[in-house]
Amino acid sequence: LLNCFEFALFILSILLLNRLINRPYLLTYLCPLKTQLCYLNAKTFPDGVYYLTTGNGMLYQTYCDMTTAGGGWTLVASVHENSVYGRCTVGDRWSSQQGNNADLPDGDGNWSNRNTFGTVESATSDDFKNPGYYDITAEDMSVWHIPNNLPLEFWNMEAAAVLRYHTGNRFLRLYGGNLFQLFKQYPVRYNVGSCGDRGPAIPIVYDHGDKESTRMLYGPSSRREFEPGFITFRAINYERAAMAICSGVKPTVGYNTEHYCIGGGGYFHPDQCGDFPSFDYDRLGREQGWSASREMTEAAVLLFYR
């Protein structure tokens, strides 16, 4: 392998060549020096696909956002709803692929295990989880809501995003440095707590969108139950089902988090199970009652660390 300095010269030559022949490009950067290469090289390399190494020397591929808020964000996972009409069926890796079963309260358990799946290039068309999810020790998170099936080379176009935001208070330091450790403290499991219980709610800084646009992406009934401008972890609904992440919002009153939170354990109300548990309650994309907008329902949620 070339060292980083040699490879930087190679990258510059490729960029120059692409500019001269006016062709789009998508590069993979090979410089596996540190687990958090994205952060260490944020001012050196552009956005794109990189190879990183874990603390144990495992090589893996991911996407690095070197631009947003100073850059250095490493993609570690994506949550993609392959069919909002499916109820904990194949593809619901962030809840349960084993049916809606109270005897399997953790479902697939992928919020707090070391399973990995998917590929970085298909992160907007299928679920994705790489070793960085549990291996990186981070301080903050960034979240992108990107339309399903959008090719990787267009992800960094701000206008393509439904929402983009990040935290800035280093909250992950308090919870073990990553979501793997956070969800050990706040298990995503059916009947682990009472309705209304939730884990930490962290303020966010918007990179695309704002509080009002976040509010309008969810149904009018849902809007009465949350405050936008946060990312919330492990929220429990009226039926004692646990949702992993309420993206962009903090539940405040009411206990119907299945309509605006994603992921979960292995058991829900029969009409709610799945990675986006009940975003289609009053028909898909109608933005009526409890139904989320089509933009939010048909967007993958990309999770980054820094």
Protein backbone atom coordinates (compact mmCIF):
# COMPACT_ATOMS: atom_id res chain seq x y z
CA LEU A 1 0.00 0.00 0.00
CA LEU A 2 1.13 3.55 -0.69
CA ASN A 3 1.59 5.77 2.30
CA CYS A 4 -0.84 8.64 2.76
CA PHE A 5 1.45 11.28 1.25
CA GLU A 6 2.11 9.23 -1.86
CA PHE A 7 -1.54 8.41 -2.16
CA ALA A 8 -2.52 12.06 -1.80
CA LEU A 9 -0.40 12.87 -4.87
CA PHE A 10 -2.09 10.03 -6.72
CA ILE A 11 -5.52 11.36 -5.75
CA LEU A 12 -4.65 14.86 -6.94
CA SER A 13 -3.53 13.50 -10.30
CA ILE A 14 -6.82 11.61 -10.70
CA LEU A 15 -8.84 14.69 -9.77
CA LEU A 16 -6.90 16.76 -12.29
CA LEU A 17 -7.42 14.14 -14.98
CA ASN A 18 -11.14 14.03 -14.27
CA ARG A 19 -11.35 17.82 -14.45
CA LEU A 20 -9.50 17.87 -17.78
CA ILE A 21 -11.81 15.32 -19.38
CA ASN A 22 -14.90 16.65 -17.57
CA ARG A 23 -16.06 13.30 -16.23
CA PRO A 24 -17.74 12.51 -12.87
CA TYR A 25 -15.64 10.47 -10.51
CA LEU A 26 -16.00 8.20 -7.51
CA LEU A 27 -12.80 7.27 -5.73
CA THR A 28 -11.93 4.76 -3.04
CA TYR A 29 -9.14 5.95 -0.76
CA LEU A 30 -6.80 3.30 0.61
CA CYS A 31 -4.88 4.50 3.65
CA PRO A 32 -5.73 2.22 6.63
CA LEU A 33 -3.64 3.88 9.35
CA LYS A 34 -6.14 4.52 12.13
CA THR A 35 -9.63 3.40 13.04
CA GLN A 36 -10.82 7.02 12.79
CA LEU A 37 -9.10 7.93 9.53
CA CYS A 38 -12.05 10.12 8.53
CA TYR A 39 -11.46 12.39 11.50
CA LEU A 40 -7.67 12.39 11.32
CA ASN A 41 -7.61 13.26 7.62
CA ALA A 42 -10.63 15.54 7.38
CA LYS A 43 -8.56 18.46 6.08
CA THR A 44 -6.55 16.33 3.65
CA PHE A 45 -9.01 14.22 1.66
CA PRO A 46 -12.42 14.88 0.02
CA ASP A 47 -15.76 13.18 0.66
CA GLY A 48 -15.85 9.63 -0.62
CA VAL A 49 -15.38 5.93 0.03
CA TYR A 50 -12.45 4.92 2.21
CA TYR A 51 -10.93 1.81 3.71
CA LEU A 52 -10.51 1.97 7.49
CA THR A 53 -9.10 -0.50 10.00
CA THR A 54 -10.50 -1.57 13.35
CA GLY A 55 -8.46 -1.75 16.51
CA ASN A 56 -7.90 -5.45 15.74
CA GLY A 57 -6.66 -4.74 12.23
CA MET A 58 -9.85 -5.63 10.30
CA LEU A 59 -10.10 -3.70 7.04
CA TYR A 60 -13.53 -2.38 6.09
CA GLN A 61 -15.03 0.05 3.61
CA THR A 62 -17.17 3.05 4.42
CA TYR A 63 -18.07 6.61 3.41
CA CYS A 64 -16.40 9.65 4.94
CA ASP A 65 -18.00 13.08 5.02
CA MET A 66 -15.05 15.47 5.06
CA THR A 67 -17.13 18.63 4.61
CA THR A 68 -19.98 19.03 7.12
CA ALA A 69 -19.15 21.16 10.18
CA GLY A 70 -15.41 20.68 9.76
CA GLY A 71 -15.68 17.16 8.37
CA GLY A 72 -14.33 13.92 9.74
CA TRP A 73 -17.65 12.02 9.89
CA THR A 74 -17.53 8.23 9.44
CA LEU A 75 -20.61 6.40 8.15
CA VAL A 76 -21.25 3.42 10.44
CA ALA A 77 -24.84 2.39 9.64
CA SER A 78 -27.97 3.04 7.62
CA VAL A 79 -31.57 2.18 8.43
CA HIS A 80 -33.58 1.52 5.28
CA GLU A 81 -37.23 0.49 5.26
CA ASN A 82 -37.50 -1.98 2.40
CA SER A 83 -41.30 -2.25 2.76
CA VAL A 84 -43.30 -0.18 5.20
CA TYR A 85 -46.15 -2.66 4.67
CA GLY A 86 -44.03 -5.53 5.98
CA ARG A 87 -44.42 -6.19 9.71
CA CYS A 88 -41.10 -7.45 11.07
CA THR A 89 -40.32 -9.45 7.97
CA VAL A 90 -37.12 -10.17 6.03
CA GLY A 91 -35.11 -6.96 5.67
CA ASP A 92 -36.20 -5.47 9.00
CA ARG A 93 -32.70 -5.91 10.44
CA TRP A 94 -33.04 -2.98 12.86
CA SER A 95 -36.13 -4.46 14.52
CA SER A 96 -37.01 -8.10 13.81
CA GLN A 97 -36.87 -10.35 10.77
CA GLN A 98 -38.40 -13.15 12.84
CA GLY A 99 -41.96 -11.91 13.02
CA ASN A 100 -43.71 -9.95 15.75
CA ASN A 101 -42.94 -12.15 18.73
CA ALA A 102 -43.07 -11.26 22.44
CA ASP A 103 -40.90 -14.32 23.12
CA LEU A 104 -38.09 -12.61 21.18
CA PRO A 105 -38.17 -9.20 22.92
CA ASP A 106 -34.83 -8.04 21.44
CA GLY A 107 -35.75 -8.95 17.86
CA ASP A 108 -32.57 -9.18 15.79
CA GLY A 109 -30.69 -7.19 18.45
CA ASN A 110 -28.52 -5.35 15.95
CA TRP A 111 -28.49 -2.08 17.90
CA SER A 112 -26.35 -3.73 20.57
CA ASN A 113 -24.47 -6.59 18.90
CA ARG A 114 -21.45 -6.97 16.60
CA ASN A 115 -23.30 -8.21 13.52
CA THR A 116 -22.44 -6.39 10.32
CA PHE A 117 -24.31 -6.35 7.02
CA GLY A 118 -24.73 -4.58 3.70
CA THR A 119 -22.29 -2.54 1.64
CA VAL A 120 -21.55 1.15 1.71
CA GLU A 121 -22.61 1.69 -1.93
CA SER A 122 -26.06 0.22 -1.25
CA ALA A 123 -26.63 2.04 2.06
CA THR A 124 -29.61 3.94 0.64
CA SER A 125 -31.20 0.82 -0.85
CA ASP A 126 -30.59 -1.69 1.95
CA ASP A 127 -29.61 -1.76 5.62
CA PHE A 128 -25.91 -1.22 6.36
CA LYS A 129 -23.75 -1.71 9.45
CA ASN A 130 -19.95 -1.85 9.50
CA PRO A 131 -17.44 -2.61 12.29
CA GLY A 132 -17.03 1.10 13.00
CA TYR A 133 -20.46 1.00 14.65
CA TYR A 134 -19.02 -0.82 17.68
CA ASP A 135 -15.26 -0.23 17.24
CA ILE A 136 -14.94 3.55 16.90
CA THR A 137 -14.79 5.65 20.05
CA ALA A 138 -16.60 8.84 19.04
CA GLU A 139 -17.92 12.03 20.58
CA ASP A 140 -20.71 13.17 18.27
CA MET A 141 -23.16 11.93 15.65
CA SER A 142 -24.36 13.19 12.30
CA VAL A 143 -27.58 11.97 10.67
CA TRP A 144 -28.57 12.22 7.02
CA HIS A 145 -32.03 11.38 5.71
CA ILE A 146 -31.31 10.55 2.06
CA PRO A 147 -33.93 9.44 -0.53
CA ASN A 148 -34.00 5.70 -1.09
CA ASN A 149 -31.80 4.38 -3.89
CA LEU A 150 -29.89 7.64 -4.37
CA PRO A 151 -26.44 6.70 -5.78
CA LEU A 152 -23.52 7.28 -3.44
CA GLU A 153 -21.85 9.91 -5.64
CA PHE A 154 -24.82 12.25 -5.03
CA TRP A 155 -25.10 11.88 -1.25
CA ASN A 156 -23.04 14.98 -0.51
CA MET A 157 -25.32 17.22 -2.57
CA GLU A 158 -27.14 19.19 0.12
CA ALA A 159 -30.23 19.69 -2.04
CA ALA A 160 -30.64 15.91 -2.34
CA ALA A 161 -31.15 15.42 1.41
CA VAL A 162 -34.48 15.40 3.22
CA LEU A 163 -32.73 16.39 6.46
CA ARG A 164 -29.14 16.60 7.68
CA TYR A 165 -28.05 17.47 11.22
CA HIS A 166 -25.39 16.72 13.81
CA THR A 167 -24.76 16.94 17.54
CA GLY A 168 -22.07 19.20 18.90
CA ASN A 169 -21.87 18.61 22.65
CA ARG A 170 -19.72 15.42 22.65
CA PHE A 171 -22.55 13.48 24.27
CA LEU A 172 -21.19 10.07 23.27
CA ARG A 173 -18.42 10.49 25.82
CA LEU A 174 -21.08 9.88 28.48
CA TYR A 175 -22.33 6.67 26.88
CA GLY A 176 -19.24 4.67 26.00
CA GLY A 177 -18.30 6.44 22.78
CA ASN A 178 -20.74 4.83 20.33
CA LEU A 179 -24.29 3.56 19.86
CA PHE A 180 -23.22 -0.02 20.58
CA GLN A 181 -22.36 1.00 24.13
CA LEU A 182 -25.26 3.47 24.49
CA PHE A 183 -27.80 0.75 23.70
CA LYS A 184 -26.18 -1.52 26.28
CA GLN A 185 -27.25 1.08 28.83
CA TYR A 186 -30.64 1.62 27.17
CA PRO A 187 -31.64 -1.77 25.70
CA VAL A 188 -33.92 -1.73 22.65
CA ARG A 189 -36.17 -4.45 24.02
CA TYR A 190 -39.89 -5.01 24.38
CA ASN A 191 -41.24 -4.44 27.91
CA VAL A 192 -37.94 -3.08 29.22
CA GLY A 193 -39.71 -0.03 30.67
CA SER A 194 -42.98 1.84 31.00
CA CYS A 195 -44.67 3.90 28.31
CA GLY A 196 -43.13 7.34 28.10
CA ASP A 197 -39.72 6.20 29.31
CA ARG A 198 -36.86 7.27 27.08
CA GLY A 199 -33.11 7.56 27.01
CA PRO A 200 -31.09 10.72 26.34
CA ALA A 201 -32.45 13.47 24.09
CA ILE A 202 -29.58 15.42 22.51
CA PRO A 203 -29.89 18.87 20.85
CA ILE A 204 -28.95 18.96 17.18
CA VAL A 205 -27.48 21.53 14.80
CA TYR A 206 -29.14 21.57 11.38
CA ASP A 207 -27.00 21.30 8.25
CA HIS A 208 -30.03 21.01 5.94
CA GLY A 209 -33.55 21.75 7.14
CA ASP A 210 -34.75 23.30 10.39
CA LYS A 211 -37.18 22.68 13.25
CA GLU A 212 -40.24 23.64 11.25
CA SER A 213 -39.37 21.47 8.25
CA THR A 214 -38.71 18.58 10.64
CA ARG A 215 -42.12 19.05 12.25
CA MET A 216 -43.88 19.05 8.88
CA LEU A 217 -42.25 15.78 7.78
CA TYR A 218 -44.40 13.92 10.30
CA GLY A 219 -48.19 13.58 10.52
CA PRO A 220 -50.35 16.27 12.14
CA SER A 221 -51.29 13.97 15.03
CA SER A 222 -47.61 13.21 15.67
CA ARG A 223 -46.68 16.90 15.72
CA ARG A 224 -48.60 17.36 18.97
CA GLU A 225 -46.39 14.83 20.75
CA PHE A 226 -42.81 15.95 20.12
CA GLU A 227 -40.43 18.89 20.07
CA PRO A 228 -38.18 19.13 16.98
CA GLY A 229 -34.49 19.90 17.20
CA PHE A 230 -33.26 16.76 19.00
CA ILE A 231 -32.18 13.19 18.47
CA THR A 232 -33.66 10.87 21.09
CA PHE A 233 -32.66 7.34 22.01
CA ARG A 234 -34.69 4.34 23.21
CA ALA A 235 -38.22 5.73 23.43
CA ILE A 236 -40.97 3.43 24.71
CA ASN A 237 -44.54 3.67 23.46
CA TYR A 238 -47.96 2.96 24.99
CA GLU A 239 -47.70 -0.77 24.14
CA ARG A 240 -44.23 -0.92 25.82
CA ALA A 241 -42.45 -1.43 22.50
CA ALA A 242 -38.99 0.15 22.38
CA MET A 243 -37.93 2.33 19.46
CA ALA A 244 -34.18 2.94 19.01
CA ILE A 245 -33.99 6.49 17.59
CA CYS A 246 -36.40 9.39 17.25
CA SER A 247 -34.63 11.25 14.47
CA GLY A 248 -34.85 15.02 14.71
CA VAL A 249 -37.39 15.05 17.56
CA LYS A 250 -37.85 14.61 21.31
CA PRO A 251 -41.10 13.01 22.55
CA THR A 252 -42.74 15.32 25.10
CA VAL A 253 -46.40 14.36 25.54
CA GLY A 254 -48.21 11.26 24.38
CA TYR A 255 -46.80 7.80 23.87
CA ASN A 256 -47.21 7.07 20.17
CA THR A 257 -43.53 7.10 19.25
CA GLU A 258 -43.99 4.37 16.63
CA HIS A 259 -45.16 7.08 14.21
CA TYR A 260 -41.98 9.18 14.38
CA CYS A 261 -39.19 6.93 15.69
CA ILE A 262 -37.27 4.14 13.94
CA GLY A 263 -35.86 0.72 14.77
CA GLY A 264 -36.92 -1.38 17.71
CA GLY A 265 -37.07 -4.64 19.56
CA GLY A 266 -38.98 -7.76 18.62
CA TYR A 267 -42.55 -7.03 19.62
CA PHE A 268 -45.02 -4.24 18.82
CA HIS A 269 -48.73 -3.80 18.38
CA PRO A 270 -49.59 -6.02 15.35
CA ASP A 271 -50.04 -2.96 13.08
CA GLN A 272 -46.72 -1.37 14.05
CA CYS A 273 -43.82 -3.81 13.74
CA GLY A 274 -40.83 -2.94 11.51
CA ASP A 275 -37.83 -0.65 11.08
CA PHE A 276 -40.18 2.31 10.50
CA PRO A 277 -42.82 0.83 12.81
CA SER A 278 -45.96 2.75 11.89
CA PHE A 279 -45.09 5.59 9.56
CA ASP A 280 -47.99 4.51 7.32
CA TYR A 281 -50.72 4.27 9.97
CA ASP A 282 -53.16 6.52 8.08
CA ARG A 283 -51.96 5.42 4.64
CA LEU A 284 -48.49 5.80 3.17
CA GLY A 285 -47.30 9.30 2.46
CA ARG A 286 -50.65 11.01 2.94
CA GLU A 287 -49.37 13.31 5.70
CA GLN A 288 -52.68 12.86 7.49
CA GLY A 289 -53.43 11.64 10.99
CA TRP A 290 -50.44 9.67 12.23
CA SER A 291 -48.85 9.06 8.81
CA ALA A 292 -45.41 10.52 8.15
CA SER A 293 -44.66 12.21 4.85
CA ARG A 294 -43.57 10.18 1.84
CA GLU A 295 -40.22 12.05 1.91
CA MET A 296 -39.45 10.79 5.42
CA THR A 297 -40.89 7.30 4.93
CA GLU A 298 -38.98 6.70 1.70
CA ALA A 299 -35.60 7.95 2.91
CA ALA A 300 -32.73 5.95 4.39
CA VAL A 301 -31.32 7.17 7.70
CA LEU A 302 -27.52 7.35 7.54
CA LEU A 303 -25.67 7.40 10.89
CA PHE A 304 -22.19 8.92 11.19
CA TYR A 305 -19.67 9.22 14.05
CA ARG A 306 -16.94 11.74 14.72
